[in-house]
Amino acid sequence: MIGLALMYARSGIKVHPCFGVGPSLKAPMIAGGFRKASADRKNITAWGALWRQGAVPGLPCQLNGLIILDADRHGDGVNGVAALRGFFEEIGFNRFSVPIVATPNNGEHYYFRRPEGLGPVAAKLAPGIDVRDNGYVIAAGAVFMDKRQYRLRSGTPKLLAEAIQARTLPELPAAIVELLIKPAHKHGPIFFAPRPSPGETMRRLEGIAQAVATATPGERNKMLHWGACRCGEMVRGGCLGQQQAFVLLMEIAQIIGLPRREASATIQSGLRYG
């Protein structure tokens, strides 16, 4: 992994070591995190002990002129990969025109050049689709100690590094930029995913209900808000009625002993956000 880090550095790309093992395998290993990333060979070799412990290179996004769309498949039925592919088709964008990295958990990273002058953007495009901007990703080509890897679907990490350095990657499509710069309180995440079947909808509702109903006493209101957010996404997707969601969540809130007025406010807040 030190060889991979030095390869990126030779193209002027800043990197930093992340754990690569254990429960914090994607967390930075150095004080200051990604903001202390470096393209200086001396710094990278000075982190030699960390690489020998299994560290993998982290790749800061904005610091390297990148903005990366991170699509994931979640256990709760949200398929950000399918949603993002569908949205690319909707706006007429050829997804194969940008580097795509297959992530260890069957997700995808899409590498774009960050538009000049772009200010702060939303952290999420839609359920299951995160926006990596003022942060970092694990670099393409990285391999964890358990052999899982971040694999480019085509090309090589060296060609990717050269494209980042030369700023020849495609710029983030204007249709996506427009969505990301809208105020979050006014325009919530957009639901692009295909409408699930009634069976899938029921399974998701059962999972949400189970998670909220089994929350520990100090986490019940927080989990109720989480459940309302997830139901709000389903309302936006057209597979659940808002009143149905409210009634279901209120029933669960009563079962776990939350005050009715407090629960009602929490549910309405979560449904609006979702």
C-alpha atoms as a PDB file:
ATOM      1  CA  MET A   1       0.000   0.000   0.000  1.00  0.00           C
ATOM      2  CA  ILE A   2       2.933   2.368   0.468  1.00  0.00           C
ATOM      3  CA  GLY A   3       3.707   1.777  -3.218  1.00  0.00           C
ATOM      4  CA  LEU A   4       0.157   2.765  -4.141  1.00  0.00           C
ATOM      5  CA  ALA A   5       0.365   5.872  -1.963  1.00  0.00           C
ATOM      6  CA  LEU A   6       3.682   6.912  -3.556  1.00  0.00           C
ATOM      7  CA  MET A   7       2.257   6.324  -7.033  1.00  0.00           C
ATOM      8  CA  TYR A   8      -0.563   8.798  -6.338  1.00  0.00           C
ATOM      9  CA  ALA A   9       1.936  11.244  -4.812  1.00  0.00           C
ATOM     10  CA  ARG A  10       4.125  11.178  -7.923  1.00  0.00           C
ATOM     11  CA  SER A  11       1.164  12.674  -9.799  1.00  0.00           C
ATOM     12  CA  GLY A  12       0.764  15.350  -7.129  1.00  0.00           C
ATOM     13  CA  ILE A  13      -2.243  13.643  -5.528  1.00  0.00           C
ATOM     14  CA  LYS A  14      -2.534  14.063  -1.761  1.00  0.00           C
ATOM     15  CA  VAL A  15      -3.095  10.904   0.295  1.00  0.00           C
ATOM     16  CA  HIS A  16      -3.169   9.900   3.953  1.00  0.00           C
ATOM     17  CA  PRO A  17      -3.135   6.536   5.755  1.00  0.00           C
ATOM     18  CA  CYS A  18      -6.367   4.902   6.976  1.00  0.00           C
ATOM     19  CA  PHE A  19      -6.455   1.882   9.292  1.00  0.00           C
ATOM     20  CA  GLY A  20      -7.317  -0.827   6.749  1.00  0.00           C
ATOM     21  CA  VAL A  21      -8.167  -3.305   9.537  1.00  0.00           C
ATOM     22  CA  GLY A  22     -10.524  -3.584  12.498  1.00  0.00           C
ATOM     23  CA  PRO A  23     -13.764  -1.739  13.254  1.00  0.00           C
ATOM     24  CA  SER A  24     -12.255   1.618  12.188  1.00  0.00           C
ATOM     25  CA  LEU A  25     -10.766   0.283   8.954  1.00  0.00           C
ATOM     26  CA  LYS A  26     -11.726   3.375   6.907  1.00  0.00           C
ATOM     27  CA  ALA A  27     -10.855   5.979   9.557  1.00  0.00           C
ATOM     28  CA  PRO A  28      -7.704   8.152   9.233  1.00  0.00           C
ATOM     29  CA  MET A  29      -4.690   7.021  11.270  1.00  0.00           C
ATOM     30  CA  ILE A  30      -3.060  10.430  11.643  1.00  0.00           C
ATOM     31  CA  ALA A  31      -3.939  13.491  13.698  1.00  0.00           C
ATOM     32  CA  GLY A  32      -5.801  16.017  11.559  1.00  0.00           C
ATOM     33  CA  GLY A  33      -7.190  13.271   9.332  1.00  0.00           C
ATOM     34  CA  PHE A  34      -7.601  13.923   5.618  1.00  0.00           C
ATOM     35  CA  ARG A  35      -6.741  17.608   6.065  1.00  0.00           C
ATOM     36  CA  LYS A  36      -3.149  16.516   6.766  1.00  0.00           C
ATOM     37  CA  ALA A  37      -2.919  14.490   3.557  1.00  0.00           C
ATOM     38  CA  SER A  38       0.290  14.947   1.610  1.00  0.00           C
ATOM     39  CA  ALA A  39       1.837  14.382  -1.806  1.00  0.00           C
ATOM     40  CA  ASP A  40       5.325  14.712  -0.322  1.00  0.00           C
ATOM     41  CA  ARG A  41       7.324  11.476  -0.613  1.00  0.00           C
ATOM     42  CA  LYS A  42       9.080  12.194   2.694  1.00  0.00           C
ATOM     43  CA  ASN A  43       5.787  12.384   4.578  1.00  0.00           C
ATOM     44  CA  ILE A  44       4.452   9.223   2.982  1.00  0.00           C
ATOM     45  CA  THR A  45       7.566   7.206   3.751  1.00  0.00           C
ATOM     46  CA  ALA A  46       7.599   8.653   7.292  1.00  0.00           C
ATOM     47  CA  TRP A  47       4.254   6.891   7.786  1.00  0.00           C
ATOM     48  CA  GLY A  48       6.059   3.621   7.044  1.00  0.00           C
ATOM     49  CA  ALA A  49       5.125   1.946  10.336  1.00  0.00           C
ATOM     50  CA  LEU A  50       1.454   2.616   9.615  1.00  0.00           C
ATOM     51  CA  TRP A  51       1.615   1.037   6.159  1.00  0.00           C
ATOM     52  CA  ARG A  52       3.259  -2.043   7.683  1.00  0.00           C
ATOM     53  CA  GLN A  53       0.340  -2.317  10.117  1.00  0.00           C
ATOM     54  CA  GLY A  54      -2.091  -2.641   7.200  1.00  0.00           C
ATOM     55  CA  ALA A  55      -2.941   1.001   6.450  1.00  0.00           C
ATOM     56  CA  VAL A  56      -4.511   1.870   3.090  1.00  0.00           C
ATOM     57  CA  PRO A  57      -4.357   5.239   1.287  1.00  0.00           C
ATOM     58  CA  GLY A  58      -7.208   7.671   1.841  1.00  0.00           C
ATOM     59  CA  LEU A  59      -7.832  10.092  -1.006  1.00  0.00           C
ATOM     60  CA  PRO A  60      -9.151  13.565  -0.059  1.00  0.00           C
ATOM     61  CA  CYS A  61     -11.744  14.785  -2.532  1.00  0.00           C
ATOM     62  CA  GLN A  62     -11.962  18.581  -2.574  1.00  0.00           C
ATOM     63  CA  LEU A  63      -8.236  18.892  -1.750  1.00  0.00           C
ATOM     64  CA  ASN A  64      -7.513  17.004  -4.986  1.00  0.00           C
ATOM     65  CA  GLY A  65     -10.104  18.807  -7.112  1.00  0.00           C
ATOM     66  CA  LEU A  66     -12.521  15.878  -6.964  1.00  0.00           C
ATOM     67  CA  ILE A  67     -16.140  15.322  -6.091  1.00  0.00           C
ATOM     68  CA  ILE A  68     -17.187  11.668  -5.820  1.00  0.00           C
ATOM     69  CA  LEU A  69     -20.665  10.156  -5.853  1.00  0.00           C
ATOM     70  CA  ASP A  70     -20.750   7.191  -3.470  1.00  0.00           C
ATOM     71  CA  ALA A  71     -23.598   4.767  -4.203  1.00  0.00           C
ATOM     72  CA  ASP A  72     -24.270   1.999  -1.671  1.00  0.00           C
ATOM     73  CA  ARG A  73     -26.574  -0.960  -1.271  1.00  0.00           C
ATOM     74  CA  HIS A  74     -28.037  -1.026   2.255  1.00  0.00           C
ATOM     75  CA  GLY A  75     -29.581  -3.891   4.159  1.00  0.00           C
ATOM     76  CA  ASP A  76     -32.814  -1.910   4.634  1.00  0.00           C
ATOM     77  CA  GLY A  77     -33.684  -2.300   0.943  1.00  0.00           C
ATOM     78  CA  VAL A  78     -32.213   0.994  -0.292  1.00  0.00           C
ATOM     79  CA  ASN A  79     -30.246   0.423  -3.498  1.00  0.00           C
ATOM     80  CA  GLY A  80     -28.267   3.569  -4.207  1.00  0.00           C
ATOM     81  CA  VAL A  81     -26.379   1.879  -7.046  1.00  0.00           C
ATOM     82  CA  ALA A  82     -29.553   1.199  -9.050  1.00  0.00           C
ATOM     83  CA  ALA A  83     -30.938   4.633  -8.142  1.00  0.00           C
ATOM     84  CA  LEU A  84     -27.854   6.498  -9.353  1.00  0.00           C
ATOM     85  CA  ARG A  85     -27.606   4.487 -12.559  1.00  0.00           C
ATOM     86  CA  GLY A  86     -31.271   5.251 -13.206  1.00  0.00           C
ATOM     87  CA  PHE A  87     -30.740   8.956 -12.584  1.00  0.00           C
ATOM     88  CA  PHE A  88     -27.778   9.043 -14.976  1.00  0.00           C
ATOM     89  CA  GLU A  89     -30.061   7.565 -17.649  1.00  0.00           C
ATOM     90  CA  GLU A  90     -32.752  10.112 -16.799  1.00  0.00           C
ATOM     91  CA  ILE A  91     -30.418  13.067 -17.388  1.00  0.00           C
ATOM     92  CA  GLY A  92     -28.740  11.487 -20.428  1.00  0.00           C
ATOM     93  CA  PHE A  93     -25.322  11.021 -18.818  1.00  0.00           C
ATOM     94  CA  ASN A  94     -23.069   8.137 -19.892  1.00  0.00           C
ATOM     95  CA  ARG A  95     -21.825   6.728 -16.597  1.00  0.00           C
ATOM     96  CA  PHE A  96     -19.005   4.859 -18.335  1.00  0.00           C
ATOM     97  CA  SER A  97     -17.430   8.204 -19.288  1.00  0.00           C
ATOM     98  CA  VAL A  98     -16.051   8.573 -15.735  1.00  0.00           C
ATOM     99  CA  PRO A  99     -13.889   6.251 -13.624  1.00  0.00           C
ATOM    100  CA  ILE A 100     -16.022   3.818 -11.608  1.00  0.00           C
ATOM    101  CA  VAL A 101     -14.607   2.062  -8.555  1.00  0.00           C
ATOM    102  CA  ALA A 102     -16.285  -1.079  -7.225  1.00  0.00           C
ATOM    103  CA  THR A 103     -16.201  -0.911  -3.411  1.00  0.00           C
ATOM    104  CA  PRO A 104     -15.873  -3.904  -1.047  1.00  0.00           C
ATOM    105  CA  ASN A 105     -19.564  -3.810  -0.057  1.00  0.00           C
ATOM    106  CA  ASN A 106     -20.832  -3.980  -3.646  1.00  0.00           C
ATOM    107  CA  GLY A 107     -21.188  -0.218  -3.995  1.00  0.00           C
ATOM    108  CA  GLU A 108     -19.730   2.167  -6.565  1.00  0.00           C
ATOM    109  CA  HIS A 109     -17.661   5.367  -6.504  1.00  0.00           C
ATOM    110  CA  TYR A 110     -17.959   7.733  -9.488  1.00  0.00           C
ATOM    111  CA  TYR A 111     -15.016  10.131  -9.841  1.00  0.00           C
ATOM    112  CA  PHE A 112     -15.755  13.624 -11.202  1.00  0.00           C
ATOM    113  CA  ARG A 113     -13.748  16.809 -11.553  1.00  0.00           C
ATOM    114  CA  ARG A 114     -15.051  19.381  -9.076  1.00  0.00           C
ATOM    115  CA  PRO A 115     -16.444  22.438 -10.923  1.00  0.00           C
ATOM    116  CA  GLU A 116     -14.451  25.641 -10.422  1.00  0.00           C
ATOM    117  CA  GLY A 117     -16.018  28.021  -7.912  1.00  0.00           C
ATOM    118  CA  LEU A 118     -18.457  25.459  -6.546  1.00  0.00           C
ATOM    119  CA  GLY A 119     -19.343  26.300  -2.949  1.00  0.00           C
ATOM    120  CA  PRO A 120     -20.576  23.973  -0.187  1.00  0.00           C
ATOM    121  CA  VAL A 121     -22.809  21.153  -1.378  1.00  0.00           C
ATOM    122  CA  ALA A 122     -25.256  18.745   0.232  1.00  0.00           C
ATOM    123  CA  ALA A 123     -23.763  15.587   1.714  1.00  0.00           C
ATOM    124  CA  LYS A 124     -26.427  13.358   0.172  1.00  0.00           C
ATOM    125  CA  LEU A 125     -28.007  13.267  -3.265  1.00  0.00           C
ATOM    126  CA  ALA A 126     -30.641  10.647  -2.437  1.00  0.00           C
ATOM    127  CA  PRO A 127     -31.114   7.642  -0.127  1.00  0.00           C
ATOM    128  CA  GLY A 128     -28.086   5.425  -0.632  1.00  0.00           C
ATOM    129  CA  ILE A 129     -26.162   8.092  -2.596  1.00  0.00           C
ATOM    130  CA  ASP A 130     -23.629  10.136  -0.635  1.00  0.00           C
ATOM    131  CA  VAL A 131     -21.607  13.053  -1.992  1.00  0.00           C
ATOM    132  CA  ARG A 132     -17.921  12.938  -1.088  1.00  0.00           C
ATOM    133  CA  ASP A 133     -16.666  16.509  -1.288  1.00  0.00           C
ATOM    134  CA  ASN A 134     -15.249  18.011   1.903  1.00  0.00           C
ATOM    135  CA  GLY A 135     -13.983  14.609   2.958  1.00  0.00           C
ATOM    136  CA  TYR A 136     -12.250  11.585   1.475  1.00  0.00           C
ATOM    137  CA  VAL A 137     -12.653   8.075   0.068  1.00  0.00           C
ATOM    138  CA  ILE A 138     -10.424   5.026   0.210  1.00  0.00           C
ATOM    139  CA  ALA A 139      -8.239   5.296  -2.894  1.00  0.00           C
ATOM    140  CA  ALA A 140      -8.844   3.186  -5.980  1.00  0.00           C
ATOM    141  CA  GLY A 141      -6.474   0.221  -5.911  1.00  0.00           C
ATOM    142  CA  ALA A 142      -6.461  -0.066  -2.113  1.00  0.00           C
ATOM    143  CA  VAL A 143      -6.676  -3.575  -0.628  1.00  0.00           C
ATOM    144  CA  PHE A 144      -7.698  -4.253   2.976  1.00  0.00           C
ATOM    145  CA  MET A 145      -5.877  -6.856   5.063  1.00  0.00           C
ATOM    146  CA  ASP A 146      -8.830  -9.227   4.541  1.00  0.00           C
ATOM    147  CA  LYS A 147      -8.210  -8.945   0.738  1.00  0.00           C
ATOM    148  CA  ARG A 148     -11.315  -6.861  -0.020  1.00  0.00           C
ATOM    149  CA  GLN A 149     -10.455  -4.094  -2.432  1.00  0.00           C
ATOM    150  CA  TYR A 150     -11.451  -0.875  -4.189  1.00  0.00           C
ATOM    151  CA  ARG A 151     -11.225  -1.980  -7.810  1.00  0.00           C
ATOM    152  CA  LEU A 152     -11.432   0.222 -10.880  1.00  0.00           C
ATOM    153  CA  ARG A 153     -13.905  -1.246 -13.360  1.00  0.00           C
ATOM    154  CA  SER A 154     -11.603  -0.169 -16.183  1.00  0.00           C
ATOM    155  CA  GLY A 155      -8.159   1.407 -16.437  1.00  0.00           C
ATOM    156  CA  THR A 156      -5.522   1.518 -13.703  1.00  0.00           C
ATOM    157  CA  PRO A 157      -4.919   3.607 -10.571  1.00  0.00           C
ATOM    158  CA  LYS A 158      -1.924   5.171 -12.352  1.00  0.00           C
ATOM    159  CA  LEU A 159      -4.089   6.374 -15.246  1.00  0.00           C
ATOM    160  CA  LEU A 160      -6.649   7.653 -12.747  1.00  0.00           C
ATOM    161  CA  ALA A 161      -3.967   9.584 -10.839  1.00  0.00           C
ATOM    162  CA  GLU A 162      -2.716  11.154 -14.071  1.00  0.00           C
ATOM    163  CA  ALA A 163      -6.259  12.180 -15.055  1.00  0.00           C
ATOM    164  CA  ILE A 164      -6.853  13.763 -11.641  1.00  0.00           C
ATOM    165  CA  GLN A 165      -3.575  15.655 -11.870  1.00  0.00           C
ATOM    166  CA  ALA A 166      -4.259  16.837 -15.453  1.00  0.00           C
ATOM    167  CA  ARG A 167      -7.891  17.720 -14.568  1.00  0.00           C
ATOM    168  CA  THR A 168      -9.168  15.716 -17.533  1.00  0.00           C
ATOM    169  CA  LEU A 169     -11.931  13.896 -15.651  1.00  0.00           C
ATOM    170  CA  PRO A 170     -15.473  14.857 -16.716  1.00  0.00           C
ATOM    171  CA  GLU A 171     -16.959  17.635 -14.606  1.00  0.00           C
ATOM    172  CA  LEU A 172     -19.902  16.851 -12.351  1.00  0.00           C
ATOM    173  CA  PRO A 173     -23.044  17.205 -14.527  1.00  0.00           C
ATOM    174  CA  ALA A 174     -24.877  20.508 -14.143  1.00  0.00           C
ATOM    175  CA  ALA A 175     -28.146  18.667 -13.429  1.00  0.00           C
ATOM    176  CA  ILE A 176     -26.565  17.158 -10.325  1.00  0.00           C
ATOM    177  CA  VAL A 177     -24.803  20.368  -9.270  1.00  0.00           C
ATOM    178  CA  GLU A 178     -28.165  22.150  -9.342  1.00  0.00           C
ATOM    179  CA  LEU A 179     -29.622  19.610  -6.933  1.00  0.00           C
ATOM    180  CA  LEU A 180     -26.682  19.729  -4.555  1.00  0.00           C
ATOM    181  CA  ILE A 181     -26.487  23.489  -4.087  1.00  0.00           C
ATOM    182  CA  LYS A 182     -30.151  23.915  -3.120  1.00  0.00           C
ATOM    183  CA  PRO A 183     -30.603  24.618   0.630  1.00  0.00           C
ATOM    184  CA  ALA A 184     -31.066  21.348   2.482  1.00  0.00           C
ATOM    185  CA  HIS A 185     -33.906  22.696   4.656  1.00  0.00           C
ATOM    186  CA  LYS A 186     -35.853  23.663   1.540  1.00  0.00           C
ATOM    187  CA  HIS A 187     -35.099  20.733  -0.718  1.00  0.00           C
ATOM    188  CA  GLY A 188     -34.542  17.389   0.974  1.00  0.00           C
ATOM    189  CA  PRO A 189     -32.815  14.373  -0.616  1.00  0.00           C
ATOM    190  CA  ILE A 190     -34.453  13.259  -3.849  1.00  0.00           C
ATOM    191  CA  PHE A 191     -35.834   9.732  -4.222  1.00  0.00           C
ATOM    192  CA  PHE A 192     -34.736   8.290  -7.595  1.00  0.00           C
ATOM    193  CA  ALA A 193     -35.021   4.598  -6.736  1.00  0.00           C
ATOM    194  CA  PRO A 194     -37.566   2.432  -8.565  1.00  0.00           C
ATOM    195  CA  ARG A 195     -40.800   1.927  -6.624  1.00  0.00           C
ATOM    196  CA  PRO A 196     -40.479  -1.306  -4.612  1.00  0.00           C
ATOM    197  CA  SER A 197     -43.039  -4.098  -4.767  1.00  0.00           C
ATOM    198  CA  PRO A 198     -45.725  -4.376  -2.045  1.00  0.00           C
ATOM    199  CA  GLY A 199     -43.772  -7.273  -0.541  1.00  0.00           C
ATOM    200  CA  GLU A 200     -40.554  -5.237  -0.409  1.00  0.00           C
ATOM    201  CA  THR A 201     -42.457  -2.300   1.098  1.00  0.00           C
ATOM    202  CA  MET A 202     -43.876  -4.551   3.825  1.00  0.00           C
ATOM    203  CA  ARG A 203     -40.455  -6.003   4.614  1.00  0.00           C
ATOM    204  CA  ARG A 204     -38.978  -2.519   4.950  1.00  0.00           C
ATOM    205  CA  LEU A 205     -41.817  -1.417   7.234  1.00  0.00           C
ATOM    206  CA  GLU A 206     -41.389  -4.525   9.376  1.00  0.00           C
ATOM    207  CA  GLY A 207     -37.654  -3.802   9.688  1.00  0.00           C
ATOM    208  CA  ILE A 208     -38.293  -0.183  10.656  1.00  0.00           C
ATOM    209  CA  ALA A 209     -40.928  -1.182  13.192  1.00  0.00           C
ATOM    210  CA  GLN A 210     -38.643  -3.809  14.728  1.00  0.00           C
ATOM    211  CA  ALA A 211     -35.720  -1.373  15.017  1.00  0.00           C
ATOM    212  CA  VAL A 212     -37.840   1.317  16.703  1.00  0.00           C
ATOM    213  CA  ALA A 213     -39.705  -1.089  18.993  1.00  0.00           C
ATOM    214  CA  THR A 214     -36.499  -2.670  20.317  1.00  0.00           C
ATOM    215  CA  ALA A 215     -34.596   0.584  20.921  1.00  0.00           C
ATOM    216  CA  THR A 216     -33.091   1.034  24.371  1.00  0.00           C
ATOM    217  CA  PRO A 217     -34.851   3.557  26.684  1.00  0.00           C
ATOM    218  CA  GLY A 218     -32.334   6.363  26.082  1.00  0.00           C
ATOM    219  CA  GLU A 219     -32.447   5.909  22.300  1.00  0.00           C
ATOM    220  CA  ARG A 220     -36.197   5.547  21.685  1.00  0.00           C
ATOM    221  CA  ASN A 221     -36.976   9.089  20.512  1.00  0.00           C
ATOM    222  CA  LYS A 222     -33.848   9.123  18.326  1.00  0.00           C
ATOM    223  CA  MET A 223     -34.806   5.797  16.742  1.00  0.00           C
ATOM    224  CA  LEU A 224     -38.381   6.996  16.231  1.00  0.00           C
ATOM    225  CA  HIS A 225     -37.020   9.976  14.275  1.00  0.00           C
ATOM    226  CA  TRP A 226     -34.814   7.622  12.259  1.00  0.00           C
ATOM    227  CA  GLY A 227     -37.837   5.443  11.478  1.00  0.00           C
ATOM    228  CA  ALA A 228     -39.883   8.474  10.445  1.00  0.00           C
ATOM    229  CA  CYS A 229     -37.090   9.587   8.097  1.00  0.00           C
ATOM    230  CA  ARG A 230     -37.041   6.157   6.461  1.00  0.00           C
ATOM    231  CA  CYS A 231     -40.842   6.185   6.127  1.00  0.00           C
ATOM    232  CA  GLY A 232     -40.648   9.696   4.679  1.00  0.00           C
ATOM    233  CA  GLU A 233     -38.333   8.385   1.945  1.00  0.00           C
ATOM    234  CA  MET A 234     -40.926   5.712   1.168  1.00  0.00           C
ATOM    235  CA  VAL A 235     -43.680   8.350   1.043  1.00  0.00           C
ATOM    236  CA  ARG A 236     -41.593  10.362  -1.394  1.00  0.00           C
ATOM    237  CA  GLY A 237     -41.033   7.216  -3.448  1.00  0.00           C
ATOM    238  CA  GLY A 238     -44.781   6.743  -3.782  1.00  0.00           C
ATOM    239  CA  CYS A 239     -44.967   3.354  -2.053  1.00  0.00           C
ATOM    240  CA  LEU A 240     -46.464   4.520   1.262  1.00  0.00           C
ATOM    241  CA  GLY A 241     -49.095   7.080   2.235  1.00  0.00           C
ATOM    242  CA  GLN A 242     -48.067   9.818   4.666  1.00  0.00           C
ATOM    243  CA  GLN A 243     -51.075   9.231   6.904  1.00  0.00           C
ATOM    244  CA  GLN A 244     -50.384   5.491   6.905  1.00  0.00           C
ATOM    245  CA  ALA A 245     -46.806   6.159   7.979  1.00  0.00           C
ATOM    246  CA  PHE A 246     -47.892   8.545  10.743  1.00  0.00           C
ATOM    247  CA  VAL A 247     -50.443   6.092  12.168  1.00  0.00           C
ATOM    248  CA  LEU A 248     -47.980   3.186  12.114  1.00  0.00           C
ATOM    249  CA  LEU A 249     -45.246   5.175  13.841  1.00  0.00           C
ATOM    250  CA  MET A 250     -47.634   6.577  16.450  1.00  0.00           C
ATOM    251  CA  GLU A 251     -48.769   3.043  17.301  1.00  0.00           C
ATOM    252  CA  ILE A 252     -45.172   1.967  17.831  1.00  0.00           C
ATOM    253  CA  ALA A 253     -44.458   5.096  19.893  1.00  0.00           C
ATOM    254  CA  GLN A 254     -47.391   4.276  22.172  1.00  0.00           C
ATOM    255  CA  ILE A 255     -46.221   0.665  22.561  1.00  0.00           C
ATOM    256  CA  ILE A 256     -42.749   1.766  23.697  1.00  0.00           C
ATOM    257  CA  GLY A 257     -44.174   4.375  26.057  1.00  0.00           C
ATOM    258  CA  LEU A 258     -43.268   7.709  24.441  1.00  0.00           C
ATOM    259  CA  PRO A 259     -45.532  10.679  25.301  1.00  0.00           C
ATOM    260  CA  ARG A 260     -48.033  11.261  22.528  1.00  0.00           C
ATOM    261  CA  ARG A 261     -47.261  14.961  21.946  1.00  0.00           C
ATOM    262  CA  GLU A 262     -43.491  14.384  21.889  1.00  0.00           C
ATOM    263  CA  ALA A 263     -43.884  11.383  19.578  1.00  0.00           C
ATOM    264  CA  SER A 264     -46.143  13.298  17.192  1.00  0.00           C
ATOM    265  CA  ALA A 265     -43.609  16.126  16.839  1.00  0.00           C
ATOM    266  CA  THR A 266     -40.745  13.665  16.300  1.00  0.00           C
ATOM    267  CA  ILE A 267     -42.652  11.716  13.655  1.00  0.00           C
ATOM    268  CA  GLN A 268     -43.758  14.802  11.728  1.00  0.00           C
ATOM    269  CA  SER A 269     -40.183  16.132  11.766  1.00  0.00           C
ATOM    270  CA  GLY A 270     -38.778  12.835  10.475  1.00  0.00           C
ATOM    271  CA  LEU A 271     -41.426  12.471   7.764  1.00  0.00           C
ATOM    272  CA  ARG A 272     -40.713  16.011   6.513  1.00  0.00           C
ATOM    273  CA  TYR A 273     -36.955  15.375   6.456  1.00  0.00           C
ATOM    274  CA  GLY A 274     -37.324  12.020   4.692  1.00  0.00           C
END
